[in-house]
Amino acid sequence: MFINKKPMSKLSFVIPAYNEENYIGPCLEAIERAMAGKNYNMEVIVVNNASTDKTEEVARSFSWAKVVNEPNKGLVRARQAGFVATTGDLIANIDADTILPLGWIDTVFAEFKNDDKIVALSGPYIYYDLSKSVNFMIKFYYGLGKIICGVTQLFFKKGAMVQGGNFILKRSALEKIGGFNVAEFDFYGEDTDIAIRMSKVGKVKFTFALPMTTSGRRLKGEGVIRMSLKYGINYLWPILFGKPYTNTYLDIRPNSQKTKQAFKNYQEQWTKDVRWSVAGAFGFLFISLGINYLANLYTYYSNGQAVGDIILDNIPQIDTSWVVIYGAISLVIFVTVFLLKHLRYLPFVVKSIGLFIIIRAFFISLTHLAPMPGGIILPNSELLEKFSLGKDMFFSGHTGLPFLLALIFWQNKFLRNLFIAISIVFATAVLLGHYHYSIDVFAAYFITYAIYHIAVQFFRRDFQLFRQAEAEDLKEK
């Protein structure tokens, strides 16, 4: 049915399937519809990945699909087993709960034909069982992901993006990098890993012109915001450390007892009030970041002359940029991971950070001083410089933000001491590097103390939720 003697690239679909008897049929039917009236050169491989239901039986009912068995459960193992069984030039990796849109195959062939440098092609998900507002938010998330991808490329010289379950790899390039990384990855981060490794041998392209329709069952089960944070962390972790943040994931099939208990725990923690509070917190944070951008843009064009400083004028300048840059990135990752595990902390913490950013933006707009000579310079990035580093004098965010977190978590001795120590390290780094005037550093503690108490008054409901959750957690310890 799928044999074509024309000298064109052959497309091989690989579909891992673990207990997908309810989804693999519609997935294969969608591929069959996409093939109707066409003369593509392609094959379809379904990898039965240790299923205990009728997945294999349903897959074999489609005579044109080849079924292979991978007895060792794991998404990446299944992808690798499918790859080994293929014969095509292009390997299309989709999931069992995806529904292939009409025209998807044409787009794939056209992209690889028009640019022979492409070794990996991907596009976004569209969730057919989630609301339009949620899909719009997820589209924004993809846009943010592309920005983060650019930033990681700038700082770490590596960064590429593909959507797991909707990516196509050139066979020759995949063979060149040794196939999928089954040793390190099992579920989370596998798409980031393959994107980074493929980018070393060619071009990795993510385009909104290649959407894939899929089920939002995991997002519905674990929560959109929570999963966004999980995916975000597991995008950064392979870039920073070469491995996923975690290989533990929830089996979202309805017949799993662990799933049922996890959903129960999630529902108890993730109430309607908490969901609205979290949504409001992130909305407030995005607004604060926009205000911060405008303030930094203003100071970028308005700064005046450098002035003397009694401390900086008497200490040698040391390059501490690695502490300032990578320390800040590590702090953001740590706080994100921590909040992901403590959802009820999130509204107050995120809103307090948003308030901190807005007040800091106001202060850095007041006085226009040029940085001390030889201050921090980001590599080839005028845009990033406008965001925060280099010309935003008067208030050291590196010093103030960890201190704000110390005040928020004051009842937790470990976190309090950790954040105070981070604040002191950052304060020392920006002074030794001459990245801020000494008044910027010392004033940050007093201003941040006031910001914390303003946040307590402004966000009383969120603060009460935070204190209640914190008390329960400390009591359990």
Protein backbone atom coordinates (compact mmCIF):
# COMPACT_ATOMS: atom_id res chain seq x y z
CA MET A 1 0.00 0.00 0.00
CA PHE A 2 2.83 2.41 0.86
CA ILE A 3 5.40 1.31 -1.68
CA ASN A 4 6.52 3.89 -4.21
CA LYS A 5 9.25 3.40 -6.81
CA LYS A 6 9.85 7.13 -7.32
CA PRO A 7 13.35 8.36 -6.33
CA MET A 8 12.14 10.37 -3.34
CA SER A 9 12.97 10.30 0.35
CA LYS A 10 11.33 7.53 2.28
CA LEU A 11 9.47 8.55 5.44
CA SER A 12 9.33 6.10 8.33
CA PHE A 13 6.85 6.68 11.15
CA VAL A 14 7.83 5.36 14.58
CA ILE A 15 4.99 5.19 17.13
CA PRO A 16 5.84 3.98 20.67
CA ALA A 17 2.79 2.50 22.37
CA TYR A 18 2.41 1.36 25.96
CA ASN A 19 -1.15 0.31 26.90
CA GLU A 20 -2.63 2.52 24.18
CA GLU A 21 -5.51 0.32 22.99
CA ASN A 22 -7.87 3.33 23.08
CA TYR A 23 -5.56 5.67 21.14
CA ILE A 24 -3.42 3.68 18.69
CA GLY A 25 -6.40 2.95 16.41
CA PRO A 26 -7.37 6.62 15.83
CA CYS A 27 -3.67 7.47 15.42
CA LEU A 28 -3.23 4.93 12.61
CA GLU A 29 -6.56 5.89 11.05
CA ALA A 30 -5.33 9.51 10.82
CA ILE A 31 -2.20 8.36 8.99
CA GLU A 32 -4.39 6.32 6.63
CA ARG A 33 -6.52 9.42 5.88
CA ALA A 34 -3.40 11.46 5.22
CA MET A 35 -2.26 8.81 2.74
CA ALA A 36 -5.54 8.70 0.79
CA GLY A 37 -4.98 9.56 -2.87
CA LYS A 38 -1.25 10.09 -2.34
CA ASN A 39 1.74 8.17 -3.59
CA TYR A 40 4.16 8.64 -0.74
CA ASN A 41 7.15 6.42 -0.12
CA MET A 42 6.73 5.54 3.54
CA GLU A 43 6.33 2.92 6.23
CA VAL A 44 4.75 2.83 9.69
CA ILE A 45 6.36 1.10 12.66
CA VAL A 46 4.35 0.64 15.87
CA VAL A 47 6.52 -0.28 18.85
CA ASN A 48 4.56 -2.31 21.36
CA ASN A 49 6.37 -1.26 24.53
CA ALA A 50 5.55 -3.92 27.15
CA SER A 51 1.81 -3.37 26.84
CA THR A 52 -0.53 -5.51 28.94
CA ASP A 53 -3.73 -4.54 27.11
CA LYS A 54 -4.86 -4.98 23.47
CA THR A 55 -2.46 -2.42 21.99
CA GLU A 56 -0.61 -4.97 19.87
CA GLU A 57 -3.84 -6.57 18.68
CA VAL A 58 -5.30 -3.23 17.58
CA ALA A 59 -2.08 -2.22 15.82
CA ARG A 60 -1.86 -5.51 13.93
CA SER A 61 -5.40 -5.03 12.64
CA PHE A 62 -3.90 -2.41 10.30
CA SER A 63 -2.23 -4.75 7.83
CA TRP A 64 0.03 -2.05 6.39
CA ALA A 65 1.58 -1.22 9.78
CA LYS A 66 4.57 -3.17 11.04
CA VAL A 67 4.53 -4.02 14.76
CA VAL A 68 7.75 -4.62 16.67
CA ASN A 69 8.05 -5.47 20.36
CA GLU A 70 10.27 -3.71 22.89
CA PRO A 71 9.85 -5.60 26.20
CA ASN A 72 11.78 -3.04 28.27
CA LYS A 73 9.37 -0.24 29.14
CA GLY A 74 10.54 3.28 28.35
CA LEU A 75 9.77 5.91 25.74
CA VAL A 76 13.35 6.40 24.56
CA ARG A 77 13.97 2.65 24.38
CA ALA A 78 10.84 2.34 22.23
CA ARG A 79 11.97 5.15 19.92
CA GLN A 80 15.36 3.47 19.49
CA ALA A 81 13.79 0.06 18.82
CA GLY A 82 11.54 1.66 16.21
CA PHE A 83 14.45 3.45 14.59
CA VAL A 84 16.40 0.19 14.27
CA ALA A 85 13.40 -1.38 12.53
CA THR A 86 13.00 1.42 9.97
CA THR A 87 14.43 1.68 6.47
CA GLY A 88 13.53 5.28 5.62
CA ASP A 89 15.71 8.33 5.05
CA LEU A 90 13.50 10.41 7.38
CA ILE A 91 12.31 9.14 10.76
CA ALA A 92 9.04 10.68 11.95
CA ASN A 93 8.64 10.26 15.71
CA ILE A 94 5.04 10.67 16.84
CA ASP A 95 3.08 9.39 19.83
CA ALA A 96 0.18 6.93 20.03
CA ASP A 97 -2.29 9.63 21.13
CA THR A 98 -1.50 11.98 18.26
CA ILE A 99 -3.79 12.65 15.29
CA LEU A 100 -1.85 13.46 12.13
CA PRO A 101 -3.29 16.58 10.40
CA LEU A 102 -3.88 16.56 6.66
CA GLY A 103 -0.95 18.18 4.87
CA TRP A 104 1.55 17.29 7.61
CA ILE A 105 3.42 14.81 5.42
CA ASP A 106 3.60 17.29 2.51
CA THR A 107 5.11 19.91 4.83
CA VAL A 108 7.75 17.45 6.03
CA PHE A 109 8.86 16.50 2.53
CA ALA A 110 8.87 20.15 1.41
CA GLU A 111 10.97 21.35 4.37
CA PHE A 112 13.67 18.73 3.88
CA LYS A 113 13.66 19.19 0.11
CA ASN A 114 14.00 22.99 0.32
CA ASP A 115 16.84 22.96 2.87
CA ASP A 116 19.26 20.05 2.79
CA LYS A 117 21.01 21.36 5.93
CA ILE A 118 18.02 20.40 8.09
CA VAL A 119 18.65 17.26 10.13
CA ALA A 120 15.76 17.66 12.59
CA LEU A 121 12.35 19.23 12.05
CA SER A 122 9.62 19.81 14.61
CA GLY A 123 6.47 21.76 15.35
CA PRO A 124 4.04 22.47 18.19
CA TYR A 125 1.22 20.46 19.69
CA ILE A 126 -2.45 21.43 19.42
CA TYR A 127 -4.54 19.76 22.13
CA TYR A 128 -7.90 18.69 20.74
CA ASP A 129 -9.43 18.08 24.17
CA LEU A 130 -8.31 21.31 25.85
CA SER A 131 -9.94 24.74 25.60
CA LYS A 132 -8.93 27.44 23.14
CA SER A 133 -7.64 29.62 25.98
CA VAL A 134 -5.35 26.82 27.20
CA ASN A 135 -4.08 26.19 23.67
CA PHE A 136 -3.40 29.92 23.29
CA MET A 137 -1.40 29.89 26.52
CA ILE A 138 0.55 26.87 25.31
CA LYS A 139 1.34 28.65 22.05
CA PHE A 140 2.75 31.50 24.13
CA TYR A 141 4.78 28.89 26.03
CA TYR A 142 6.29 27.67 22.75
CA GLY A 143 7.25 31.26 21.89
CA LEU A 144 8.89 31.63 25.28
CA GLY A 145 10.68 28.34 24.66
CA LYS A 146 12.19 29.69 21.44
CA ILE A 147 13.46 32.75 23.34
CA ILE A 148 15.00 30.56 26.04
CA CYS A 149 16.53 28.45 23.30
CA GLY A 150 18.22 31.57 21.92
CA VAL A 151 19.49 32.54 25.38
CA THR A 152 20.96 29.09 26.07
CA GLN A 153 22.60 29.16 22.66
CA LEU A 154 24.13 32.52 23.57
CA PHE A 155 25.46 31.51 26.98
CA PHE A 156 26.17 27.80 26.61
CA LYS A 157 26.76 27.60 22.86
CA LYS A 158 24.12 24.89 22.67
CA GLY A 159 20.41 25.13 22.45
CA ALA A 160 17.85 23.58 20.13
CA MET A 161 14.18 22.80 20.42
CA VAL A 162 11.94 19.98 19.26
CA GLN A 163 8.57 18.82 20.54
CA GLY A 164 8.60 15.20 21.68
CA GLY A 165 5.97 13.31 19.72
CA ASN A 166 6.20 15.65 16.73
CA PHE A 167 9.69 15.58 15.28
CA ILE A 168 11.39 14.17 12.20
CA LEU A 169 15.06 13.21 12.05
CA LYS A 170 17.31 12.62 9.08
CA ARG A 171 18.52 9.04 9.28
CA SER A 172 22.13 9.74 8.30
CA ALA A 173 22.45 12.36 11.04
CA LEU A 174 20.78 10.15 13.67
CA GLU A 175 23.18 7.34 12.84
CA LYS A 176 26.07 9.79 13.07
CA ILE A 177 25.23 10.70 16.68
CA GLY A 178 24.65 7.08 17.69
CA GLY A 179 20.86 7.03 17.84
CA PHE A 180 18.75 7.86 20.88
CA ASN A 181 20.36 8.23 24.30
CA VAL A 182 18.83 5.25 26.11
CA ALA A 183 21.51 5.31 28.81
CA GLU A 184 20.55 8.70 30.28
CA PHE A 185 16.98 9.43 29.19
CA ASP A 186 13.72 7.60 29.70
CA PHE A 187 10.96 10.24 29.36
CA TYR A 188 11.55 13.85 30.40
CA GLY A 189 14.21 15.76 28.47
CA GLU A 190 14.54 13.22 25.67
CA ASP A 191 13.47 15.76 23.06
CA THR A 192 15.96 18.36 24.31
CA ASP A 193 18.75 15.80 24.31
CA ILE A 194 18.10 14.67 20.75
CA ALA A 195 17.76 18.29 19.59
CA ILE A 196 21.10 19.30 21.12
CA ARG A 197 22.92 16.29 19.75
CA MET A 198 21.39 16.66 16.28
CA SER A 199 22.31 20.36 16.22
CA LYS A 200 25.98 19.33 16.32
CA VAL A 201 25.70 17.71 12.89
CA GLY A 202 23.22 19.99 11.14
CA LYS A 203 20.31 22.40 11.38
CA VAL A 204 17.46 21.86 13.83
CA LYS A 205 14.28 23.71 12.84
CA PHE A 206 11.14 24.31 14.90
CA THR A 207 8.27 25.73 12.88
CA PHE A 208 4.67 26.60 13.72
CA ALA A 209 3.83 25.44 10.17
CA LEU A 210 4.06 21.82 11.35
CA PRO A 211 1.45 21.42 14.13
CA MET A 212 0.42 18.04 15.48
CA THR A 213 -2.95 17.36 17.10
CA THR A 214 -2.77 15.35 20.30
CA SER A 215 -4.49 14.51 23.58
CA GLY A 216 -4.07 16.82 26.57
CA ARG A 217 -4.60 13.98 29.04
CA ARG A 218 -1.29 14.57 30.86
CA LEU A 219 -1.88 18.31 31.10
CA LYS A 220 -5.41 17.71 32.39
CA GLY A 221 -4.20 15.09 34.82
CA GLU A 222 -1.25 16.94 36.32
CA GLY A 223 -2.18 20.55 35.52
CA VAL A 224 -1.11 22.85 32.68
CA ILE A 225 1.04 25.17 34.77
CA ARG A 226 2.66 22.37 36.71
CA MET A 227 3.51 20.45 33.52
CA SER A 228 4.79 23.63 31.86
CA LEU A 229 7.21 24.06 34.75
CA LYS A 230 8.21 20.40 34.61
CA TYR A 231 8.88 20.55 30.89
CA GLY A 232 10.74 23.84 31.31
CA ILE A 233 13.04 22.42 33.98
CA ASN A 234 13.68 19.29 31.96
CA TYR A 235 14.52 21.45 28.95
CA LEU A 236 17.21 23.34 30.86
CA TRP A 237 18.63 20.36 32.77
CA PRO A 238 20.05 18.47 29.74
CA ILE A 239 21.62 21.72 28.53
CA LEU A 240 23.26 22.45 31.88
CA PHE A 241 24.06 18.94 33.10
CA GLY A 242 23.62 16.58 30.16
CA LYS A 243 20.87 14.55 31.82
CA PRO A 244 17.20 14.95 32.78
CA TYR A 245 16.16 16.54 36.06
CA THR A 246 14.25 13.36 36.78
CA ASN A 247 13.47 10.04 35.12
CA THR A 248 10.39 9.60 37.29
CA TYR A 249 7.10 10.31 35.56
CA LEU A 250 3.44 9.62 36.18
CA ASP A 251 1.68 6.91 34.21
CA ILE A 252 -1.43 8.80 33.11
CA ARG A 253 -3.35 5.72 31.96
CA PRO A 254 -6.60 5.51 33.92
CA ASN A 255 -6.06 1.92 35.10
CA SER A 256 -2.90 2.78 37.05
CA GLN A 257 -3.35 2.77 40.85
CA LYS A 258 -0.39 5.14 41.25
CA THR A 259 -2.06 7.49 38.80
CA LYS A 260 -5.32 7.45 40.74
CA GLN A 261 -3.53 8.25 44.01
CA ALA A 262 -1.40 10.93 42.38
CA PHE A 263 -4.48 12.56 40.86
CA LYS A 264 -6.18 12.49 44.26
CA ASN A 265 -3.19 14.16 45.92
CA TYR A 266 -2.99 16.66 43.10
CA GLN A 267 -6.68 17.57 43.36
CA GLU A 268 -6.38 18.09 47.12
CA GLN A 269 -3.49 20.48 46.60
CA TRP A 270 -4.54 22.07 43.32
CA THR A 271 -7.93 23.54 44.27
CA LYS A 272 -9.84 26.07 42.17
CA ASP A 273 -8.70 28.93 44.44
CA VAL A 274 -5.07 27.85 44.14
CA ARG A 275 -5.37 27.59 40.35
CA TRP A 276 -6.73 31.14 40.10
CA SER A 277 -4.05 32.41 42.47
CA VAL A 278 -1.30 30.77 40.42
CA ALA A 279 -2.72 32.15 37.16
CA GLY A 280 -2.90 35.61 38.71
CA ALA A 281 0.65 35.28 40.03
CA PHE A 282 2.10 34.47 36.63
CA GLY A 283 0.04 37.21 35.01
CA PHE A 284 1.44 39.69 37.53
CA LEU A 285 4.96 38.35 36.96
CA PHE A 286 4.71 38.79 33.18
CA ILE A 287 3.47 42.37 33.67
CA SER A 288 6.37 43.09 36.01
CA LEU A 289 8.86 41.71 33.47
CA GLY A 290 7.37 43.99 30.82
CA ILE A 291 7.74 47.00 33.13
CA ASN A 292 11.30 45.92 33.91
CA TYR A 293 12.11 45.74 30.22
CA LEU A 294 10.82 49.26 29.63
CA ALA A 295 12.77 50.58 32.64
CA ASN A 296 15.98 48.96 31.44
CA LEU A 297 15.40 50.27 27.94
CA TYR A 298 14.96 53.75 29.40
CA THR A 299 18.12 53.55 31.50
CA TYR A 300 20.01 52.12 28.56
CA TYR A 301 19.58 55.35 26.62
CA SER A 302 19.52 57.76 29.58
CA ASN A 303 22.55 56.90 31.73
CA GLY A 304 25.06 59.63 32.44
CA GLN A 305 28.61 59.64 33.75
CA ALA A 306 30.31 57.20 36.09
CA VAL A 307 31.00 58.54 39.59
CA GLY A 308 33.47 57.72 42.34
CA ASP A 309 32.81 55.05 44.95
CA ILE A 310 34.71 54.89 48.24
CA ILE A 311 34.72 51.07 48.22
CA LEU A 312 35.15 50.27 44.53
CA ASP A 313 37.89 52.87 44.16
CA ASN A 314 39.93 51.00 46.76
CA ILE A 315 39.48 47.35 45.78
CA PRO A 316 40.87 45.58 42.72
CA GLN A 317 38.46 44.52 39.99
CA ILE A 318 38.03 40.76 39.59
CA ASP A 319 36.13 39.01 36.81
CA THR A 320 33.25 37.38 38.68
CA SER A 321 30.92 37.30 35.69
CA TRP A 322 30.54 33.53 35.94
CA VAL A 323 29.03 33.94 39.43
CA VAL A 324 26.78 36.78 38.30
CA ILE A 325 25.49 34.94 35.21
CA TYR A 326 25.50 31.24 36.06
CA GLY A 327 24.71 31.83 39.72
CA ALA A 328 21.56 33.73 38.77
CA ILE A 329 20.51 31.02 36.31
CA SER A 330 21.08 28.33 38.96
CA LEU A 331 19.02 30.29 41.50
CA VAL A 332 16.10 30.59 39.08
CA ILE A 333 16.21 26.86 38.33
CA PHE A 334 16.40 25.93 42.02
CA VAL A 335 13.47 28.16 42.99
CA THR A 336 11.40 26.90 40.06
CA VAL A 337 12.00 23.26 40.99
CA PHE A 338 11.21 23.97 44.65
CA LEU A 339 7.94 25.75 43.83
CA LEU A 340 6.98 22.96 41.46
CA LYS A 341 7.04 20.60 44.43
CA HIS A 342 5.19 23.03 46.71
CA LEU A 343 2.35 24.44 44.62
CA ARG A 344 0.66 26.33 47.45
CA TYR A 345 3.82 28.38 48.03
CA LEU A 346 3.81 29.53 44.45
CA PRO A 347 1.22 32.40 44.40
CA PHE A 348 2.77 34.44 47.22
CA VAL A 349 6.37 33.80 46.19
CA VAL A 350 5.80 34.64 42.52
CA LYS A 351 3.73 37.76 43.31
CA SER A 352 6.39 38.95 45.78
CA ILE A 353 9.05 38.52 43.10
CA GLY A 354 6.85 40.43 40.63
CA LEU A 355 6.45 43.28 43.15
CA PHE A 356 10.21 43.25 43.72
CA ILE A 357 10.82 43.59 39.98
CA ILE A 358 8.33 46.47 39.59
CA ILE A 359 9.73 48.47 42.53
CA ARG A 360 13.28 47.83 41.38
CA ALA A 361 12.32 49.01 37.87
CA PHE A 362 10.99 52.23 39.41
CA PHE A 363 14.18 52.88 41.38
CA ILE A 364 16.62 52.17 38.55
CA SER A 365 14.69 54.69 36.41
CA LEU A 366 15.25 57.55 38.88
CA THR A 367 19.00 58.10 38.78
CA HIS A 368 20.98 57.92 35.55
CA LEU A 369 24.54 56.85 36.27
CA ALA A 370 26.90 55.06 33.96
CA PRO A 371 28.36 51.75 35.19
CA MET A 372 31.85 51.64 36.66
CA PRO A 373 34.43 51.21 33.89
CA GLY A 374 34.95 47.57 32.97
CA GLY A 375 31.56 46.33 34.15
CA ILE A 376 29.91 43.13 32.98
CA ILE A 377 29.56 42.68 29.23
CA LEU A 378 27.33 39.99 27.76
CA PRO A 379 28.70 38.32 24.62
CA ASN A 380 27.27 39.90 21.47
CA SER A 381 23.88 40.68 22.99
CA GLU A 382 22.75 44.28 23.14
CA LEU A 383 19.16 43.10 23.64
CA LEU A 384 19.96 41.05 26.75
CA GLU A 385 22.02 43.92 28.12
CA LYS A 386 18.91 46.09 27.98
CA PHE A 387 16.95 43.55 30.00
CA SER A 388 18.93 43.66 33.20
CA LEU A 389 22.70 43.66 33.24
CA GLY A 390 25.13 46.51 32.75
CA LYS A 391 23.19 49.80 33.00
CA ASP A 392 20.52 49.34 35.65
CA MET A 393 22.17 51.19 38.53
CA PHE A 394 20.97 52.01 42.08
CA PHE A 395 19.48 48.66 43.08
CA SER A 396 21.30 45.31 42.89
CA GLY A 397 18.77 42.63 41.97
CA HIS A 398 21.40 39.92 42.53
CA THR A 399 21.66 41.02 46.15
CA GLY A 400 18.01 41.80 46.81
CA LEU A 401 16.19 38.84 45.27
CA PRO A 402 17.87 36.08 47.32
CA PHE A 403 17.36 38.21 50.44
CA LEU A 404 13.66 38.53 49.58
CA LEU A 405 13.47 34.72 49.35
CA ALA A 406 15.23 34.47 52.72
CA LEU A 407 12.59 36.74 54.27
CA ILE A 408 9.77 34.75 52.67
CA PHE A 409 11.14 31.42 53.94
CA TRP A 410 12.35 32.77 57.28
CA GLN A 411 10.57 29.98 59.22
CA ASN A 412 12.57 27.36 57.31
CA LYS A 413 16.05 27.55 58.82
CA PHE A 414 17.76 25.73 55.97
CA LEU A 415 16.24 27.86 53.21
CA ARG A 416 16.68 31.06 55.19
CA ASN A 417 20.41 30.45 55.68
CA LEU A 418 20.82 29.23 52.09
CA PHE A 419 19.26 32.33 50.54
CA ILE A 420 21.13 34.68 52.88
CA ALA A 421 24.39 32.98 51.90
CA ILE A 422 23.51 33.29 48.20
CA SER A 423 22.71 36.98 48.68
CA ILE A 424 26.06 37.60 50.38
CA VAL A 425 27.93 35.70 47.64
CA PHE A 426 26.15 37.69 44.93
CA ALA A 427 26.74 40.98 46.78
CA THR A 428 30.45 40.18 47.04
CA ALA A 429 30.61 39.15 43.37
CA VAL A 430 29.01 42.34 42.05
CA LEU A 431 31.27 44.48 44.24
CA LEU A 432 34.48 42.66 43.27
CA GLY A 433 33.45 42.78 39.63
CA HIS A 434 32.57 46.50 39.89
CA TYR A 435 29.20 45.68 38.34
CA HIS A 436 27.26 47.83 40.84
CA TYR A 437 28.12 50.76 43.02
CA SER A 438 28.38 49.92 46.71
CA ILE A 439 25.19 51.89 47.48
CA ASP A 440 23.35 49.63 45.00
CA VAL A 441 24.35 46.61 47.05
CA PHE A 442 23.84 47.88 50.61
CA ALA A 443 20.60 49.71 49.86
CA ALA A 444 19.18 46.53 48.34
CA TYR A 445 18.82 44.93 51.77
CA PHE A 446 16.81 47.80 53.22
CA ILE A 447 14.61 48.25 50.15
CA THR A 448 13.98 44.50 49.90
CA TYR A 449 12.97 44.34 53.57
CA ALA A 450 10.33 46.98 52.87
CA ILE A 451 9.19 45.18 49.69
CA TYR A 452 8.60 41.99 51.65
CA HIS A 453 6.32 43.73 54.16
CA ILE A 454 4.46 45.51 51.35
CA ALA A 455 3.92 42.11 49.67
CA VAL A 456 2.52 40.68 52.92
CA GLN A 457 -0.05 43.51 53.03
CA PHE A 458 -0.85 43.52 49.30
CA PHE A 459 -1.20 39.76 48.93
CA ARG A 460 -2.73 38.79 52.27
CA ARG A 461 -4.77 35.88 50.95
CA ASP A 462 -1.79 34.36 49.18
CA PHE A 463 0.38 34.97 52.25
CA GLN A 464 -2.11 33.10 54.45
CA LEU A 465 -2.15 30.18 52.00
CA PHE A 466 1.66 30.20 52.02
CA ARG A 467 1.92 30.23 55.82
CA GLN A 468 -0.67 27.48 56.15
CA ALA A 469 1.13 25.23 53.67
CA GLU A 470 4.51 26.02 55.22
CA ALA A 471 3.24 25.18 58.72
CA GLU A 472 1.90 21.84 57.50
CA ASP A 473 5.17 20.99 55.77
CA LEU A 474 7.30 21.96 58.78
CA LYS A 475 5.03 19.94 61.06
CA GLU A 476 5.51 16.83 58.92
CA LYS A 477 9.28 17.22 59.25
